[in-house]
């Protein structure tokens, strides 16, 4: 039922990709998502190559299913990690924070599928010309680093502009969002925040519970003045950051304030001073459960809703 070009390309059961979240997307989470029929992703973040090589090898001990590595192109270790991905036979790479153009030739020569995250139509078109295999179209609803356009308006525009498969990200956390994304023309979804609240995510329980307890208006965006906006749950840290932006604090002061805040939240569980990166979908997340259940619930709910729509249409015709 859910067979698309993405499931064929990546050799996965469901067109569901886990976001490559720094500090969150470890081998444990990635392996669990892959085992459940999606595509698990190890998030490289700013980690050195040695750490990512170890993560890849640990994942291979847990699953023989396809998986990927997310490379943050602004990382000082990005080039090293591209080499490690090729050495270790990683089948898929997703990228963020830049243009992967200079790495495409090397990755393709090593049979790695390249799927960059894009926030605009123009970048999607450019990357298609450069030879990427698909694009992840991320709307501003997403957690972490974001663009300005919403998933609802951006996905169909990019679907119309490119021939390669499109994966929708931002605001997807249940079967309704999954089905909506496919209706917009996407052939898969990338999900981040929902997987933060999985039992396999090695994230401090305080972080997970903050998401579960959150309501519809509890995220805010910091860093717009720097050109690198980030969406996270509102807390003491975000309020302090926004106050400094309001008075025109210099970039150096803002960068110093933000340094290490994600680790503080994910590892140490400081929900007041840490950066609780989260998408707007947080308001829909009400529990913490295994990745297998998360994926099965999404697919079952989407199928049930689709069947209901078919029944309604048939009833209209018969009436």
Protein backbone atom coordinates (compact mmCIF):
# COMPACT_ATOMS: atom_id res chain seq x y z
CA UNK A 1 0.00 0.00 0.00
CA UNK A 2 2.78 2.44 0.89
CA UNK A 3 5.17 1.53 -1.90
CA UNK A 4 6.75 4.63 -3.49
CA UNK A 5 9.93 5.50 -5.36
CA UNK A 6 11.48 6.17 -1.94
CA UNK A 7 10.73 2.68 -0.59
CA UNK A 8 12.16 1.20 -3.80
CA UNK A 9 15.23 3.44 -3.82
CA UNK A 10 16.12 2.87 -0.17
CA UNK A 11 14.86 -0.73 0.07
CA UNK A 12 12.63 0.00 3.07
CA UNK A 13 9.13 -1.17 3.97
CA UNK A 14 7.59 2.20 4.79
CA UNK A 15 8.47 5.63 3.32
CA UNK A 16 9.38 6.98 6.76
CA UNK A 17 12.81 8.46 7.45
CA UNK A 18 14.05 9.42 10.90
CA UNK A 19 15.55 12.89 11.22
CA UNK A 20 19.32 13.16 11.69
CA UNK A 21 19.14 15.08 14.96
CA UNK A 22 22.47 15.94 16.56
CA UNK A 23 22.99 14.31 19.99
CA UNK A 24 19.65 12.48 19.55
CA UNK A 25 20.06 10.33 16.43
CA UNK A 26 22.45 7.73 17.82
CA UNK A 27 22.98 4.19 16.57
CA UNK A 28 20.37 2.86 19.02
CA UNK A 29 17.59 5.05 17.65
CA UNK A 30 18.63 4.61 14.02
CA UNK A 31 18.76 0.81 14.34
CA UNK A 32 15.32 0.70 15.96
CA UNK A 33 13.74 2.78 13.18
CA UNK A 34 15.37 0.64 10.49
CA UNK A 35 14.27 -2.57 12.20
CA UNK A 36 10.70 -1.21 12.29
CA UNK A 37 10.63 -0.72 8.51
CA UNK A 38 11.71 2.89 8.17
CA UNK A 39 15.14 4.37 7.47
CA UNK A 40 17.14 5.09 10.61
CA UNK A 41 19.68 7.90 10.46
CA UNK A 42 22.79 8.51 12.57
CA UNK A 43 23.15 12.26 13.15
CA UNK A 44 26.79 13.29 12.78
CA UNK A 45 26.30 16.86 14.00
CA UNK A 46 29.69 18.28 14.95
CA UNK A 47 31.11 14.93 16.07
CA UNK A 48 34.55 13.90 14.78
CA UNK A 49 34.90 11.10 12.25
CA UNK A 50 36.14 8.55 14.77
CA UNK A 51 32.91 8.84 16.76
CA UNK A 52 30.73 8.42 13.67
CA UNK A 53 32.70 5.39 12.48
CA UNK A 54 32.07 3.76 15.86
CA UNK A 55 28.37 4.65 15.67
CA UNK A 56 28.09 3.08 12.21
CA UNK A 57 29.75 -0.14 13.36
CA UNK A 58 27.60 -0.36 16.49
CA UNK A 59 24.47 0.08 14.37
CA UNK A 60 25.54 -2.78 12.10
CA UNK A 61 25.68 -5.04 15.15
CA UNK A 62 21.99 -4.27 15.85
CA UNK A 63 20.47 -4.50 12.37
CA UNK A 64 21.20 -5.59 8.82
CA UNK A 65 18.52 -3.25 7.46
CA UNK A 66 19.31 -0.12 5.37
CA UNK A 67 20.29 3.01 7.30
CA UNK A 68 21.88 6.38 6.69
CA UNK A 69 24.10 9.09 8.13
CA UNK A 70 23.18 12.76 8.29
CA UNK A 71 26.13 15.06 7.58
CA UNK A 72 25.93 18.66 8.75
CA UNK A 73 27.91 20.38 6.04
CA UNK A 74 29.02 23.23 8.32
CA UNK A 75 30.81 20.74 10.56
CA UNK A 76 34.63 20.95 10.47
CA UNK A 77 34.59 17.14 10.13
CA UNK A 78 32.18 16.95 7.16
CA UNK A 79 34.81 15.92 4.59
CA UNK A 80 36.24 13.29 6.93
CA UNK A 81 32.77 11.84 7.55
CA UNK A 82 32.05 11.63 3.82
CA UNK A 83 35.17 9.46 3.51
CA UNK A 84 34.10 7.28 6.43
CA UNK A 85 30.61 6.84 4.97
CA UNK A 86 32.21 5.57 1.75
CA UNK A 87 34.66 3.31 3.61
CA UNK A 88 31.95 1.77 5.77
CA UNK A 89 29.48 1.11 2.96
CA UNK A 90 26.73 3.37 4.29
CA UNK A 91 23.90 3.21 1.70
CA UNK A 92 22.31 6.64 2.28
CA UNK A 93 23.44 10.12 3.25
CA UNK A 94 21.17 13.01 4.17
CA UNK A 95 22.70 16.47 4.44
CA UNK A 96 21.85 19.77 6.06
CA UNK A 97 23.26 23.26 6.57
CA UNK A 98 24.66 23.74 3.10
CA UNK A 99 25.12 22.40 -0.42
CA UNK A 100 26.63 18.88 -0.72
CA UNK A 101 27.76 19.56 -4.32
CA UNK A 102 31.49 19.05 -3.79
CA UNK A 103 30.89 15.61 -2.25
CA UNK A 104 28.39 14.26 -4.77
CA UNK A 105 30.92 12.69 -7.16
CA UNK A 106 32.72 10.80 -4.38
CA UNK A 107 29.49 9.59 -2.80
CA UNK A 108 28.02 8.42 -6.10
CA UNK A 109 31.20 6.56 -7.01
CA UNK A 110 30.69 4.63 -3.76
CA UNK A 111 27.01 3.89 -4.46
CA UNK A 112 25.72 6.19 -1.72
CA UNK A 113 22.26 7.70 -2.21
CA UNK A 114 22.37 11.47 -1.56
CA UNK A 115 19.30 13.17 -0.08
CA UNK A 116 19.81 16.79 1.04
CA UNK A 117 17.42 18.83 3.16
CA UNK A 118 16.15 21.88 1.25
CA UNK A 119 14.12 24.92 2.42
CA UNK A 120 13.43 26.48 -1.00
CA UNK A 121 12.38 25.60 -4.54
CA UNK A 122 15.52 27.12 -6.07
CA UNK A 123 17.88 24.97 -4.00
CA UNK A 124 15.90 21.82 -4.80
CA UNK A 125 16.12 22.55 -8.54
CA UNK A 126 19.84 23.29 -8.32
CA UNK A 127 20.60 20.10 -6.39
CA UNK A 128 18.56 18.00 -8.83
CA UNK A 129 20.81 19.33 -11.62
CA UNK A 130 23.87 18.42 -9.57
CA UNK A 131 22.71 14.81 -9.33
CA UNK A 132 21.16 14.17 -5.90
CA UNK A 133 18.77 11.23 -5.68
CA UNK A 134 15.91 12.87 -3.76
CA UNK A 135 15.27 15.90 -1.57
CA UNK A 136 13.88 16.34 1.92
CA UNK A 137 11.62 19.39 1.84
CA UNK A 138 11.54 20.85 5.33
CA UNK A 139 8.96 23.39 6.40
CA UNK A 140 9.32 25.93 9.17
CA UNK A 141 7.17 23.80 11.50
CA UNK A 142 10.17 21.54 12.06
CA UNK A 143 12.39 21.57 15.13
CA UNK A 144 16.02 22.70 15.14
CA UNK A 145 17.39 24.73 12.23
CA UNK A 146 14.57 25.89 9.97
CA UNK A 147 13.65 27.91 6.92
CA UNK A 148 10.74 30.33 6.48
CA UNK A 149 8.17 28.50 4.32
CA UNK A 150 5.62 26.05 5.67
CA UNK A 151 5.50 22.39 4.71
CA UNK A 152 1.99 22.80 3.27
CA UNK A 153 3.05 25.39 0.68
CA UNK A 154 6.63 24.27 0.05
CA UNK A 155 6.12 20.57 -0.67
CA UNK A 156 3.75 20.89 -3.67
CA UNK A 157 5.83 23.68 -5.19
CA UNK A 158 8.97 21.54 -5.11
CA UNK A 159 7.04 18.47 -6.31
CA UNK A 160 6.04 20.52 -9.35
CA UNK A 161 9.58 21.82 -9.89
CA UNK A 162 11.64 18.61 -9.79
CA UNK A 163 11.43 15.08 -11.17
CA UNK A 164 13.30 13.32 -8.34
CA UNK A 165 11.33 12.04 -5.31
CA UNK A 166 10.36 14.50 -2.59
CA UNK A 167 10.29 13.67 1.12
CA UNK A 168 8.23 15.99 3.34
CA UNK A 169 9.48 17.13 6.75
CA UNK A 170 8.14 19.50 9.37
CA UNK A 171 4.82 19.03 11.15
CA UNK A 172 4.57 15.28 10.57
CA UNK A 173 4.11 13.10 13.63
CA UNK A 174 1.06 10.89 13.10
CA UNK A 175 -0.94 9.13 10.40
CA UNK A 176 -2.83 12.28 9.42
CA UNK A 177 0.38 14.19 8.73
CA UNK A 178 1.85 11.22 6.89
CA UNK A 179 -1.18 10.91 4.63
CA UNK A 180 -1.37 14.67 4.08
CA UNK A 181 2.28 14.76 2.98
CA UNK A 182 1.66 12.02 0.41
CA UNK A 183 -1.44 13.86 -0.80
CA UNK A 184 0.73 16.95 -1.39
CA UNK A 185 2.85 14.84 -3.75
CA UNK A 186 5.63 13.72 -1.42
CA UNK A 187 6.74 10.09 -1.67
CA UNK A 188 7.89 9.83 1.92
CA UNK A 189 8.21 11.75 5.18
CA UNK A 190 11.02 12.61 7.54
CA UNK A 191 10.06 12.58 11.22
CA UNK A 192 12.15 14.01 14.05
CA UNK A 193 10.35 15.17 17.20
CA UNK A 194 8.06 12.13 17.39
CA UNK A 195 11.15 9.87 17.50
CA UNK A 196 12.72 11.96 20.27
CA UNK A 197 9.87 10.60 22.37
CA UNK A 198 10.71 6.97 21.66
CA UNK A 199 12.03 4.51 24.21
CA UNK A 200 15.14 3.87 22.08
CA UNK A 201 16.17 7.53 21.87
CA UNK A 202 19.06 8.05 24.32
CA UNK A 203 17.65 11.39 25.37
CA UNK A 204 17.27 12.54 28.97
CA UNK A 205 13.78 11.77 30.28
CA UNK A 206 13.32 15.44 31.25
CA UNK A 207 13.59 16.41 27.57
CA UNK A 208 11.10 13.76 26.48
CA UNK A 209 8.63 14.70 29.19
CA UNK A 210 8.89 18.38 28.29
CA UNK A 211 7.74 17.53 24.77
CA UNK A 212 4.94 15.27 25.99
CA UNK A 213 3.66 17.98 28.34
CA UNK A 214 3.87 20.77 25.75
CA UNK A 215 0.88 22.45 24.13
CA UNK A 216 0.28 24.03 20.74
CA UNK A 217 2.06 27.37 21.29
CA UNK A 218 5.06 26.24 23.29
CA UNK A 219 7.80 26.50 20.68
CA UNK A 220 9.61 29.66 19.67
CA UNK A 221 12.25 30.57 17.11
CA UNK A 222 15.56 32.10 18.16
CA UNK A 223 18.42 33.24 15.97
CA UNK A 224 16.51 34.98 13.19
CA UNK A 225 18.87 37.97 13.50
CA UNK A 226 21.87 35.68 12.95
CA UNK A 227 20.51 34.10 9.77
CA UNK A 228 20.37 30.69 11.47
CA UNK A 229 16.92 30.41 13.08
CA UNK A 230 16.27 27.50 15.44
CA UNK A 231 12.92 26.22 16.74
CA UNK A 232 12.80 24.88 20.30
CA UNK A 233 10.46 24.67 23.28
CA UNK A 234 10.15 27.94 25.17
CA UNK A 235 12.20 28.12 28.36
CA UNK A 236 14.57 30.39 30.28
CA UNK A 237 17.27 29.97 27.60
CA UNK A 238 15.04 30.95 24.67
CA UNK A 239 13.69 33.97 26.55
CA UNK A 240 17.21 35.16 27.37
CA UNK A 241 18.32 34.65 23.74
CA UNK A 242 15.33 36.54 22.35
CA UNK A 243 15.90 39.42 24.77
CA UNK A 244 19.50 39.75 23.59
CA UNK A 245 18.37 39.68 19.95
CA UNK A 246 15.79 42.37 20.71
CA UNK A 247 18.44 44.78 22.00
CA UNK A 248 20.76 44.04 19.07
CA UNK A 249 23.42 42.02 20.88
CA UNK A 250 26.46 41.22 18.70
CA UNK A 251 26.69 37.86 16.93
CA UNK A 252 29.63 36.76 19.10
CA UNK A 253 27.59 37.21 22.28
CA UNK A 254 24.65 35.25 20.85
CA UNK A 255 26.89 32.41 19.68
CA UNK A 256 28.52 32.22 23.09
CA UNK A 257 25.13 32.08 24.78
CA UNK A 258 23.96 29.25 22.50
CA UNK A 259 27.11 27.15 22.70
CA UNK A 260 26.57 23.69 24.22
CA UNK A 261 22.88 24.22 24.93
CA UNK A 262 21.62 21.21 22.95
CA UNK A 263 23.92 18.82 24.80
CA UNK A 264 22.84 20.42 28.07
CA UNK A 265 19.24 19.46 27.27
CA UNK A 266 19.76 16.05 25.63
CA UNK A 267 22.45 14.64 27.90
CA UNK A 268 22.08 16.50 31.18
CA UNK A 269 18.32 17.04 31.07
CA UNK A 270 18.38 20.75 31.91
CA UNK A 271 14.98 21.83 30.58
CA UNK A 272 15.43 25.43 31.72
CA UNK A 273 18.87 26.37 30.36
CA UNK A 274 19.21 23.78 27.59
CA UNK A 275 18.01 24.04 23.99
CA UNK A 276 14.97 21.76 23.75
CA UNK A 277 14.86 21.60 19.96
CA UNK A 278 11.39 20.53 18.93
CA UNK A 279 8.95 20.97 16.10
CA UNK A 280 5.46 22.43 16.40
CA UNK A 281 4.16 18.85 16.22
CA UNK A 282 5.13 18.56 19.92
CA UNK A 283 1.62 19.56 20.90
CA UNK A 284 0.30 16.32 19.36
CA UNK A 285 2.78 14.01 21.11
CA UNK A 286 1.30 12.53 24.28
CA UNK A 287 3.44 9.48 25.07
CA UNK A 288 6.83 7.76 24.90
CA UNK A 289 6.87 4.38 23.20
CA UNK A 290 9.04 2.11 21.01
CA UNK A 291 9.86 3.10 17.43
CA UNK A 292 8.07 0.02 16.14
CA UNK A 293 4.82 1.15 17.76
CA UNK A 294 5.28 4.72 16.55
CA UNK A 295 5.70 3.61 12.94
CA UNK A 296 2.92 1.01 13.08
CA UNK A 297 0.53 3.56 14.61
CA UNK A 298 1.33 6.08 11.86
CA UNK A 299 0.77 3.56 9.08
CA UNK A 300 -2.36 2.01 10.64
CA UNK A 301 -3.90 5.42 11.30
CA UNK A 302 -3.15 6.60 7.77
CA UNK A 303 -4.65 3.43 6.28
CA UNK A 304 -7.75 3.69 8.43
CA UNK A 305 -8.28 7.32 7.42
CA UNK A 306 -7.72 6.48 3.75
CA UNK A 307 -10.24 3.63 3.94
CA UNK A 308 -12.72 5.98 5.57
CA UNK A 309 -12.31 8.50 2.75
CA UNK A 310 -12.81 5.76 0.16
CA UNK A 311 -16.00 4.64 1.93
CA UNK A 312 -17.28 8.19 2.01
CA UNK A 313 -16.62 8.64 -1.71
CA UNK A 314 -18.36 5.37 -2.58
CA UNK A 315 -21.32 6.37 -0.41
CA UNK A 316 -21.64 9.66 -2.26
CA UNK A 317 -21.57 7.86 -5.62
CA UNK A 318 -24.08 5.21 -4.55
CA UNK A 319 -26.34 7.86 -3.05
